[in-house]
Amino acid sequence: MCGRFTLTSSPQRLRARFSLSAAPDAVAPRYNIAPSQPVLVIPNRPERVLRPARWGLIPHWATDASIGHRMINARAETLASRAAFRAALERRRCLIPADGFYEWQREGRARRAPFYVRGRDGEPFAMAGLWDVWRRPDGEAVASCAIITTAANEAVAEIHDRMPVILAPEAYDPWLTRAPLHLDALVSWLIACPDEWLEAYRVSNLVNVPAHDEPACIAPLP
């Protein structure tokens, strides 16, 4: 799974990396993004821009927002079989920019050790995502998203058996097309990225608490 990630890149860097239509407004660096918190996504809309969304997909047909707590991740292997994800996969795809993500390695029966996984090139990357818009009873629109995950590559497998789908830059345009796409047209992208793209290192337990959102969260343990 993917339960925490970071986004600390400057607006200019994000615009260049993802070919945004315009540089986003000031983006506060985030070192410990947790489920249910606001994130930035690039939805498959006419303009390629960053938009806010809540992490935890709330399908437009949901009766209340609580379903989003169970839908922070969408398994690539079962996307087509789950009603909550199937329609979004065909029509509402997005990129979720990140600089890195956290995974926890089990140590003994209960203890888990946090690791930070980032790109070797130091550049932000795009996790494959799904989005939707749900309306509260009062009519207020709530945009939300989920991160698509897959089986871990060798760079991550010793830490955890799942990881987010990280798309290659050449996949951004087809992933963000507004045309409906069936799973058959997407399956080649919904796999783990090459091992050499990533590096991982142990970090402190500071990241275990969502309120801790500071550079120390990604500092390597000595």
C-alpha atoms as a PDB file:
ATOM      1  CA  MET A   1       0.000   0.000   0.000  1.00  0.00           C
ATOM      2  CA  CYS A   2       0.951   3.651   0.110  1.00  0.00           C
ATOM      3  CA  GLY A   3       0.036   5.284   3.409  1.00  0.00           C
ATOM      4  CA  ARG A   4       2.171   8.455   3.450  1.00  0.00           C
ATOM      5  CA  PHE A   5       4.096  10.506   0.910  1.00  0.00           C
ATOM      6  CA  THR A   6       5.850  13.844   0.433  1.00  0.00           C
ATOM      7  CA  LEU A   7       5.661  16.768  -1.969  1.00  0.00           C
ATOM      8  CA  THR A   8       8.291  19.440  -1.433  1.00  0.00           C
ATOM      9  CA  SER A   9       9.204  20.558  -4.983  1.00  0.00           C
ATOM     10  CA  SER A  10       8.854  24.204  -5.997  1.00  0.00           C
ATOM     11  CA  PRO A  11       5.988  25.354  -8.261  1.00  0.00           C
ATOM     12  CA  GLN A  12       8.452  25.991 -11.095  1.00  0.00           C
ATOM     13  CA  ARG A  13       9.900  22.511 -10.825  1.00  0.00           C
ATOM     14  CA  LEU A  14       6.436  20.941 -10.819  1.00  0.00           C
ATOM     15  CA  ARG A  15       5.416  22.945 -13.873  1.00  0.00           C
ATOM     16  CA  ALA A  16       8.491  21.837 -15.815  1.00  0.00           C
ATOM     17  CA  ARG A  17       8.287  18.189 -14.762  1.00  0.00           C
ATOM     18  CA  PHE A  18       4.581  17.730 -15.538  1.00  0.00           C
ATOM     19  CA  SER A  19       4.153  20.245 -18.391  1.00  0.00           C
ATOM     20  CA  LEU A  20       1.550  22.207 -16.455  1.00  0.00           C
ATOM     21  CA  SER A  21      -0.405  24.905 -18.274  1.00  0.00           C
ATOM     22  CA  ALA A  22       0.724  27.417 -15.658  1.00  0.00           C
ATOM     23  CA  ALA A  23       2.929  27.454 -12.605  1.00  0.00           C
ATOM     24  CA  PRO A  24       0.819  26.666  -9.538  1.00  0.00           C
ATOM     25  CA  ASP A  25       0.432  29.165  -6.739  1.00  0.00           C
ATOM     26  CA  ALA A  26       2.794  28.848  -3.805  1.00  0.00           C
ATOM     27  CA  VAL A  27       2.953  25.189  -2.798  1.00  0.00           C
ATOM     28  CA  ALA A  28       3.815  24.631   0.845  1.00  0.00           C
ATOM     29  CA  PRO A  29       6.313  21.767   1.256  1.00  0.00           C
ATOM     30  CA  ARG A  30       4.666  18.649   2.718  1.00  0.00           C
ATOM     31  CA  TYR A  31       6.853  16.056   4.435  1.00  0.00           C
ATOM     32  CA  ASN A  32       4.206  13.728   5.853  1.00  0.00           C
ATOM     33  CA  ILE A  33       1.008  13.659   3.788  1.00  0.00           C
ATOM     34  CA  ALA A  34      -1.521  11.305   5.380  1.00  0.00           C
ATOM     35  CA  PRO A  35      -4.884   9.838   4.309  1.00  0.00           C
ATOM     36  CA  SER A  36      -7.923  12.157   4.494  1.00  0.00           C
ATOM     37  CA  GLN A  37      -5.656  15.190   4.159  1.00  0.00           C
ATOM     38  CA  PRO A  38      -5.740  17.531   1.128  1.00  0.00           C
ATOM     39  CA  VAL A  39      -3.322  16.663  -1.683  1.00  0.00           C
ATOM     40  CA  LEU A  40      -2.597  18.063  -5.147  1.00  0.00           C
ATOM     41  CA  VAL A  41      -3.569  16.127  -8.260  1.00  0.00           C
ATOM     42  CA  ILE A  42      -3.441  16.664 -12.017  1.00  0.00           C
ATOM     43  CA  PRO A  43      -6.826  15.413 -13.309  1.00  0.00           C
ATOM     44  CA  ASN A  44      -7.582  14.553 -16.929  1.00  0.00           C
ATOM     45  CA  ARG A  45      -9.179  17.893 -17.657  1.00  0.00           C
ATOM     46  CA  PRO A  46      -8.686  20.206 -20.672  1.00  0.00           C
ATOM     47  CA  GLU A  47      -6.059  22.236 -18.803  1.00  0.00           C
ATOM     48  CA  ARG A  48      -3.164  20.439 -17.139  1.00  0.00           C
ATOM     49  CA  VAL A  49      -3.110  22.114 -13.743  1.00  0.00           C
ATOM     50  CA  LEU A  50      -2.738  21.115 -10.108  1.00  0.00           C
ATOM     51  CA  ARG A  51      -6.027  20.879  -8.244  1.00  0.00           C
ATOM     52  CA  PRO A  52      -6.745  20.138  -4.587  1.00  0.00           C
ATOM     53  CA  ALA A  53      -8.396  16.847  -3.623  1.00  0.00           C
ATOM     54  CA  ARG A  54      -8.969  14.856  -0.468  1.00  0.00           C
ATOM     55  CA  TRP A  55      -6.900  11.664  -0.215  1.00  0.00           C
ATOM     56  CA  GLY A  56      -9.446   8.868   0.023  1.00  0.00           C
ATOM     57  CA  LEU A  57     -11.765   8.335  -2.940  1.00  0.00           C
ATOM     58  CA  ILE A  58     -15.443   9.165  -2.374  1.00  0.00           C
ATOM     59  CA  PRO A  59     -17.432   7.869  -5.381  1.00  0.00           C
ATOM     60  CA  HIS A  60     -20.012  10.316  -6.700  1.00  0.00           C
ATOM     61  CA  TRP A  61     -22.772   7.835  -5.828  1.00  0.00           C
ATOM     62  CA  ALA A  62     -21.723   7.408  -2.172  1.00  0.00           C
ATOM     63  CA  THR A  63     -24.272   8.177   0.542  1.00  0.00           C
ATOM     64  CA  ASP A  64     -21.665   9.716   2.865  1.00  0.00           C
ATOM     65  CA  ALA A  65     -18.003  10.663   2.910  1.00  0.00           C
ATOM     66  CA  SER A  66     -16.856   7.986   5.341  1.00  0.00           C
ATOM     67  CA  ILE A  67     -16.290   5.502   2.502  1.00  0.00           C
ATOM     68  CA  GLY A  68     -13.212   7.535   1.573  1.00  0.00           C
ATOM     69  CA  HIS A  69     -11.326   6.299   4.650  1.00  0.00           C
ATOM     70  CA  ARG A  70     -11.291   2.801   3.105  1.00  0.00           C
ATOM     71  CA  MET A  71     -10.291   3.938  -0.375  1.00  0.00           C
ATOM     72  CA  ILE A  72      -6.941   5.633  -0.104  1.00  0.00           C
ATOM     73  CA  ASN A  73      -5.402   2.958  -2.356  1.00  0.00           C
ATOM     74  CA  ALA A  74      -6.763   1.039  -5.352  1.00  0.00           C
ATOM     75  CA  ARG A  75      -5.111  -2.290  -6.164  1.00  0.00           C
ATOM     76  CA  ALA A  76      -4.189  -2.467  -9.856  1.00  0.00           C
ATOM     77  CA  GLU A  77      -5.050  -6.167  -9.962  1.00  0.00           C
ATOM     78  CA  THR A  78      -8.699  -5.662  -8.936  1.00  0.00           C
ATOM     79  CA  LEU A  79      -9.583  -2.273 -10.422  1.00  0.00           C
ATOM     80  CA  ALA A  80     -11.967  -3.666 -13.009  1.00  0.00           C
ATOM     81  CA  SER A  81     -13.892  -5.744 -10.470  1.00  0.00           C
ATOM     82  CA  ARG A  82     -14.708  -2.957  -7.992  1.00  0.00           C
ATOM     83  CA  ALA A  83     -17.562  -0.624  -8.847  1.00  0.00           C
ATOM     84  CA  ALA A  84     -16.010   2.231  -6.886  1.00  0.00           C
ATOM     85  CA  PHE A  85     -12.897   2.185  -9.075  1.00  0.00           C
ATOM     86  CA  ARG A  86     -14.032   0.803 -12.433  1.00  0.00           C
ATOM     87  CA  ALA A  87     -15.800   3.927 -13.721  1.00  0.00           C
ATOM     88  CA  ALA A  88     -13.066   6.218 -12.407  1.00  0.00           C
ATOM     89  CA  LEU A  89     -10.425   4.130 -14.172  1.00  0.00           C
ATOM     90  CA  GLU A  90     -12.206   4.497 -17.490  1.00  0.00           C
ATOM     91  CA  ARG A  91     -12.997   8.203 -17.254  1.00  0.00           C
ATOM     92  CA  ARG A  92     -11.420   9.963 -14.251  1.00  0.00           C
ATOM     93  CA  ARG A  93      -7.680   9.350 -14.069  1.00  0.00           C
ATOM     94  CA  CYS A  94      -5.105  11.674 -12.551  1.00  0.00           C
ATOM     95  CA  LEU A  95      -1.446  12.100 -11.736  1.00  0.00           C
ATOM     96  CA  ILE A  96      -0.552  12.540  -8.077  1.00  0.00           C
ATOM     97  CA  PRO A  97       2.826  14.317  -7.851  1.00  0.00           C
ATOM     98  CA  ALA A  98       5.239  13.242  -5.121  1.00  0.00           C
ATOM     99  CA  ASP A  99       8.911  13.483  -4.219  1.00  0.00           C
ATOM    100  CA  GLY A 100       8.853  10.223  -2.274  1.00  0.00           C
ATOM    101  CA  PHE A 101       6.719   7.895  -0.191  1.00  0.00           C
ATOM    102  CA  TYR A 102       7.022   5.961   3.060  1.00  0.00           C
ATOM    103  CA  GLU A 103       6.702   2.241   3.679  1.00  0.00           C
ATOM    104  CA  TRP A 104       7.034   0.330   6.937  1.00  0.00           C
ATOM    105  CA  GLN A 105       9.110  -2.822   7.318  1.00  0.00           C
ATOM    106  CA  ARG A 106       7.996  -5.295   9.965  1.00  0.00           C
ATOM    107  CA  GLU A 107      10.553  -6.034  12.681  1.00  0.00           C
ATOM    108  CA  GLY A 108       9.513  -8.870  14.955  1.00  0.00           C
ATOM    109  CA  ARG A 109       5.880  -9.391  15.848  1.00  0.00           C
ATOM    110  CA  ALA A 110       4.705  -5.837  16.323  1.00  0.00           C
ATOM    111  CA  ARG A 111       7.350  -3.213  15.635  1.00  0.00           C
ATOM    112  CA  ARG A 112       7.505  -1.621  12.205  1.00  0.00           C
ATOM    113  CA  ALA A 113      10.401   0.471  10.915  1.00  0.00           C
ATOM    114  CA  PRO A 114       9.677   3.389   8.537  1.00  0.00           C
ATOM    115  CA  PHE A 115      11.625   3.809   5.294  1.00  0.00           C
ATOM    116  CA  TYR A 116      11.571   6.689   2.837  1.00  0.00           C
ATOM    117  CA  VAL A 117      11.574   5.809  -0.873  1.00  0.00           C
ATOM    118  CA  ARG A 118      12.506   8.445  -3.431  1.00  0.00           C
ATOM    119  CA  GLY A 119      13.682   8.786  -7.011  1.00  0.00           C
ATOM    120  CA  ARG A 120      17.403   8.356  -7.578  1.00  0.00           C
ATOM    121  CA  ASP A 121      17.374  11.367  -9.912  1.00  0.00           C
ATOM    122  CA  GLY A 122      15.966  13.629  -7.200  1.00  0.00           C
ATOM    123  CA  GLU A 123      13.054  14.675  -9.426  1.00  0.00           C
ATOM    124  CA  PRO A 124       9.369  14.614  -8.474  1.00  0.00           C
ATOM    125  CA  PHE A 125       7.437  11.715  -9.987  1.00  0.00           C
ATOM    126  CA  ALA A 126       3.801  10.940 -10.753  1.00  0.00           C
ATOM    127  CA  MET A 127       1.824   8.239  -8.992  1.00  0.00           C
ATOM    128  CA  ALA A 128      -1.104   6.905 -11.006  1.00  0.00           C
ATOM    129  CA  GLY A 129      -4.378   7.958  -9.429  1.00  0.00           C
ATOM    130  CA  LEU A 130      -8.140   8.056  -9.761  1.00  0.00           C
ATOM    131  CA  TRP A 131     -10.401  10.979  -8.864  1.00  0.00           C
ATOM    132  CA  ASP A 132     -14.073  11.701  -8.401  1.00  0.00           C
ATOM    133  CA  VAL A 133     -16.367  14.467  -7.147  1.00  0.00           C
ATOM    134  CA  TRP A 134     -18.989  13.806  -4.477  1.00  0.00           C
ATOM    135  CA  ARG A 135     -21.572  16.304  -3.267  1.00  0.00           C
ATOM    136  CA  ARG A 136     -22.553  16.813   0.330  1.00  0.00           C
ATOM    137  CA  PRO A 137     -26.260  17.048   1.167  1.00  0.00           C
ATOM    138  CA  ASP A 138     -25.918  20.858   1.105  1.00  0.00           C
ATOM    139  CA  GLY A 139     -24.559  20.709  -2.451  1.00  0.00           C
ATOM    140  CA  GLU A 140     -20.896  21.403  -1.643  1.00  0.00           C
ATOM    141  CA  ALA A 141     -18.579  19.542  -4.054  1.00  0.00           C
ATOM    142  CA  VAL A 142     -15.814  17.397  -2.559  1.00  0.00           C
ATOM    143  CA  ALA A 143     -13.027  16.285  -4.909  1.00  0.00           C
ATOM    144  CA  SER A 144     -11.162  13.162  -3.808  1.00  0.00           C
ATOM    145  CA  CYS A 145      -8.574  10.697  -5.083  1.00  0.00           C
ATOM    146  CA  ALA A 146      -6.956   7.292  -4.587  1.00  0.00           C
ATOM    147  CA  ILE A 147      -3.446   6.062  -5.393  1.00  0.00           C
ATOM    148  CA  ILE A 148      -3.164   2.946  -7.553  1.00  0.00           C
ATOM    149  CA  THR A 149      -0.802   0.354  -6.088  1.00  0.00           C
ATOM    150  CA  THR A 150       0.877  -2.758  -7.446  1.00  0.00           C
ATOM    151  CA  ALA A 151       3.272  -5.502  -6.365  1.00  0.00           C
ATOM    152  CA  ALA A 152       6.594  -4.053  -5.204  1.00  0.00           C
ATOM    153  CA  ASN A 153       9.718  -4.086  -7.332  1.00  0.00           C
ATOM    154  CA  GLU A 154      13.032  -5.307  -5.900  1.00  0.00           C
ATOM    155  CA  ALA A 155      13.941  -1.843  -4.615  1.00  0.00           C
ATOM    156  CA  VAL A 156      10.914  -1.872  -2.301  1.00  0.00           C
ATOM    157  CA  ALA A 157      10.108  -5.575  -1.805  1.00  0.00           C
ATOM    158  CA  GLU A 158      12.424  -6.042   1.188  1.00  0.00           C
ATOM    159  CA  ILE A 159      10.488  -3.302   2.972  1.00  0.00           C
ATOM    160  CA  HIS A 160       6.912  -3.946   1.841  1.00  0.00           C
ATOM    161  CA  ASP A 161       5.131  -6.107  -0.729  1.00  0.00           C
ATOM    162  CA  ARG A 162       3.138  -3.208  -2.275  1.00  0.00           C
ATOM    163  CA  MET A 163       4.055   0.155  -3.767  1.00  0.00           C
ATOM    164  CA  PRO A 164       2.385   2.943  -5.746  1.00  0.00           C
ATOM    165  CA  VAL A 165       2.286   2.732  -9.535  1.00  0.00           C
ATOM    166  CA  ILE A 166       4.854   5.321 -10.673  1.00  0.00           C
ATOM    167  CA  LEU A 167       4.262   6.330 -14.271  1.00  0.00           C
ATOM    168  CA  ALA A 168       7.000   7.026 -16.787  1.00  0.00           C
ATOM    169  CA  PRO A 169       6.891  10.570 -18.228  1.00  0.00           C
ATOM    170  CA  GLU A 170       5.904   9.192 -21.633  1.00  0.00           C
ATOM    171  CA  ALA A 171       2.751   7.773 -20.035  1.00  0.00           C
ATOM    172  CA  TYR A 172       1.521  11.121 -18.716  1.00  0.00           C
ATOM    173  CA  ASP A 173      -0.230  12.192 -21.922  1.00  0.00           C
ATOM    174  CA  PRO A 174      -2.101   8.937 -22.580  1.00  0.00           C
ATOM    175  CA  TRP A 175      -2.999   8.550 -18.893  1.00  0.00           C
ATOM    176  CA  LEU A 176      -4.477  12.057 -18.865  1.00  0.00           C
ATOM    177  CA  THR A 177      -6.475  11.712 -22.059  1.00  0.00           C
ATOM    178  CA  ARG A 178     -10.132  12.638 -21.548  1.00  0.00           C
ATOM    179  CA  ALA A 179     -11.268   9.756 -23.746  1.00  0.00           C
ATOM    180  CA  PRO A 180     -12.690   6.733 -21.896  1.00  0.00           C
ATOM    181  CA  LEU A 181     -10.103   3.947 -21.674  1.00  0.00           C
ATOM    182  CA  HIS A 182     -10.754   0.319 -20.797  1.00  0.00           C
ATOM    183  CA  LEU A 183      -8.453  -1.600 -18.483  1.00  0.00           C
ATOM    184  CA  ASP A 184      -6.961  -3.448 -21.460  1.00  0.00           C
ATOM    185  CA  ALA A 185      -5.539  -0.149 -22.728  1.00  0.00           C
ATOM    186  CA  LEU A 186      -4.070   0.732 -19.336  1.00  0.00           C
ATOM    187  CA  VAL A 187      -2.705  -2.540 -17.977  1.00  0.00           C
ATOM    188  CA  SER A 188       0.784  -2.094 -19.431  1.00  0.00           C
ATOM    189  CA  TRP A 189       1.290   0.991 -17.229  1.00  0.00           C
ATOM    190  CA  LEU A 190      -0.141  -0.463 -14.015  1.00  0.00           C
ATOM    191  CA  ILE A 191       3.038  -2.254 -12.964  1.00  0.00           C
ATOM    192  CA  ALA A 192       6.001  -1.485 -10.735  1.00  0.00           C
ATOM    193  CA  CYS A 193       8.530   0.972 -12.095  1.00  0.00           C
ATOM    194  CA  PRO A 194      12.071  -0.240 -12.852  1.00  0.00           C
ATOM    195  CA  ASP A 195      14.169  -1.005  -9.766  1.00  0.00           C
ATOM    196  CA  GLU A 196      16.858   1.494 -10.689  1.00  0.00           C
ATOM    197  CA  TRP A 197      14.451   4.419 -10.511  1.00  0.00           C
ATOM    198  CA  LEU A 198      14.245   4.293  -6.714  1.00  0.00           C
ATOM    199  CA  GLU A 199      16.355   4.323  -3.567  1.00  0.00           C
ATOM    200  CA  ALA A 200      15.219   3.725   0.006  1.00  0.00           C
ATOM    201  CA  TYR A 201      16.630   4.486   3.440  1.00  0.00           C
ATOM    202  CA  ARG A 202      15.522   4.176   7.048  1.00  0.00           C
ATOM    203  CA  VAL A 203      14.023   7.219   8.749  1.00  0.00           C
ATOM    204  CA  SER A 204      12.961   7.935  12.326  1.00  0.00           C
ATOM    205  CA  ASN A 205       9.622   7.122  13.908  1.00  0.00           C
ATOM    206  CA  LEU A 206       8.775  10.815  13.702  1.00  0.00           C
ATOM    207  CA  VAL A 207       6.789  10.089  10.552  1.00  0.00           C
ATOM    208  CA  ASN A 208       4.463   7.768  12.460  1.00  0.00           C
ATOM    209  CA  VAL A 209       2.541  10.795  13.751  1.00  0.00           C
ATOM    210  CA  PRO A 210       0.709  12.726  10.981  1.00  0.00           C
ATOM    211  CA  ALA A 211       1.046  15.982  12.910  1.00  0.00           C
ATOM    212  CA  HIS A 212       4.816  15.806  12.342  1.00  0.00           C
ATOM    213  CA  ASP A 213       5.263  17.541   8.980  1.00  0.00           C
ATOM    214  CA  GLU A 214       8.851  18.741   8.841  1.00  0.00           C
ATOM    215  CA  PRO A 215      12.159  18.024   7.035  1.00  0.00           C
ATOM    216  CA  ALA A 216      13.258  15.784   9.904  1.00  0.00           C
ATOM    217  CA  CYS A 217      10.701  13.202   8.690  1.00  0.00           C
ATOM    218  CA  ILE A 218      12.854  12.399   5.640  1.00  0.00           C
ATOM    219  CA  ALA A 219      16.246  12.696   7.332  1.00  0.00           C
ATOM    220  CA  PRO A 220      18.204   9.391   7.126  1.00  0.00           C
ATOM    221  CA  LEU A 221      18.889   7.678  10.416  1.00  0.00           C
ATOM    222  CA  PRO A 222      22.602   7.818  11.289  1.00  0.00           C
END
